Amino acid sequence: PAAHGRIGLMATHNPSSVAEWVKNGTMNEPLTSEERFEEKVMMGLRLRKGISSNGIQIKNIQAALNNGWITYANEHITPTKEGLLMLNPLTLLLLS
């Protein structure tokens, strides 16, 4: 119960109530293109492989650079050690 996950382009989630989970099972719903983009950014940063700057505003990239949270080269954004410690605000900044 209460687990969330992703399978392909589907978001999966289970009700938090055991009784409801046994009755209804796992619920699936498709991710929107915006949700897929947000997850790609979040996971690319979290897994340290970085992300393409495509779709990210240059002013937000510059702000993250100024904070020392990312490196930016060849249209690729990678979190720094400081950026890894600030993943939530970094992700919000890049997605705003």
Protein backbone atom coordinates (compact mmCIF):
# COMPACT_ATOMS: atom_id res chain seq x y z
CA PRO A 1 0.00 0.00 0.00
CA ALA A 2 0.90 3.65 -0.68
CA ALA A 3 3.68 2.75 -3.15
CA HIS A 4 4.21 4.94 -6.22
CA GLY A 5 6.11 4.08 -9.36
CA ARG A 6 6.56 4.50 -13.09
CA ILE A 7 6.15 1.93 -15.81
CA GLY A 8 6.89 3.35 -19.22
CA LEU A 9 4.68 6.43 -19.64
CA MET A 10 2.33 5.41 -16.83
CA ALA A 11 2.31 6.59 -13.22
CA THR A 12 1.34 3.84 -10.79
CA HIS A 13 0.12 4.34 -7.26
CA ASN A 14 -1.49 2.25 -4.59
CA PRO A 15 -4.03 3.49 -2.06
CA SER A 16 -2.63 3.97 1.46
CA SER A 17 -5.44 1.92 2.99
CA VAL A 18 -4.73 -1.83 2.92
CA ALA A 19 -8.43 -2.59 2.52
CA GLU A 20 -8.75 -0.23 -0.44
CA TRP A 21 -5.54 -1.57 -1.96
CA VAL A 22 -6.77 -5.19 -1.72
CA LYS A 23 -10.14 -4.16 -3.20
CA ASN A 24 -8.89 -1.92 -6.04
CA GLY A 25 -5.24 -2.86 -6.57
CA THR A 26 -2.73 -0.58 -8.24
CA MET A 27 -4.03 2.44 -10.11
CA ASN A 28 -2.40 3.60 -13.34
CA GLU A 29 -2.65 6.89 -15.15
CA PRO A 30 -0.72 8.26 -18.10
CA LEU A 31 1.87 10.98 -17.48
CA THR A 32 1.39 14.23 -19.36
CA SER A 33 4.24 15.51 -21.53
CA GLU A 34 4.93 18.17 -18.87
CA GLU A 35 5.13 15.51 -16.12
CA ARG A 36 7.46 13.40 -18.27
CA PHE A 37 9.74 16.42 -18.82
CA GLU A 38 9.75 17.24 -15.08
CA GLU A 39 10.66 13.65 -14.21
CA LYS A 40 13.39 13.56 -16.85
CA VAL A 41 14.95 16.69 -15.31
CA MET A 42 14.58 15.44 -11.74
CA MET A 43 15.97 11.97 -12.41
CA GLY A 44 18.76 13.18 -14.70
CA LEU A 45 20.01 15.46 -11.95
CA ARG A 46 19.49 12.96 -9.14
CA LEU A 47 21.32 10.18 -10.98
CA ARG A 48 24.17 12.58 -11.81
CA LYS A 49 24.08 11.83 -15.52
CA GLY A 50 22.85 15.33 -16.25
CA ILE A 51 20.23 16.64 -18.64
CA SER A 52 19.88 18.44 -21.93
CA SER A 53 19.29 22.17 -21.61
CA ASN A 54 16.51 21.85 -24.18
CA GLY A 55 13.34 23.31 -22.67
CA ILE A 56 15.15 25.03 -19.77
CA GLN A 57 15.16 28.83 -19.71
CA ILE A 58 18.63 30.34 -20.04
CA LYS A 59 17.98 32.72 -17.11
CA ASN A 60 17.39 29.67 -14.89
CA ILE A 61 20.55 27.99 -16.15
CA GLN A 62 22.47 31.19 -15.41
CA ALA A 63 21.00 31.41 -11.89
CA ALA A 64 21.99 27.78 -11.19
CA LEU A 65 25.50 28.50 -12.52
CA ASN A 66 25.74 31.60 -10.31
CA ASN A 67 24.77 29.48 -7.29
CA GLY A 68 27.49 26.95 -8.17
CA TRP A 69 24.90 24.19 -8.49
CA ILE A 70 25.63 23.06 -12.07
CA THR A 71 28.18 22.87 -14.81
CA TYR A 72 27.00 23.71 -18.32
CA ALA A 73 28.76 22.69 -21.52
CA ASN A 74 27.58 21.66 -24.99
CA GLU A 75 23.93 22.20 -23.99
CA HIS A 76 24.33 19.66 -21.16
CA ILE A 77 23.59 20.47 -17.51
CA THR A 78 25.28 18.43 -14.78
CA PRO A 79 24.88 19.02 -11.03
CA THR A 80 28.00 19.91 -9.03
CA LYS A 81 28.64 18.53 -5.54
CA GLU A 82 26.90 21.61 -4.18
CA GLY A 83 24.04 21.07 -6.62
CA LEU A 84 23.59 17.50 -5.43
CA LEU A 85 23.13 18.85 -1.91
CA MET A 86 20.53 21.30 -3.22
CA LEU A 87 18.62 19.03 -5.63
CA ASN A 88 15.13 20.14 -4.63
CA PRO A 89 15.75 23.88 -5.05
CA LEU A 90 17.89 23.20 -8.14
CA THR A 91 15.14 21.17 -9.78
CA LEU A 92 12.53 23.81 -8.94
CA LEU A 93 14.77 26.55 -10.32
CA LEU A 94 15.39 24.76 -13.61
CA LEU A 95 11.71 23.93 -14.04
CA SER A 96 10.41 27.42 -13.22
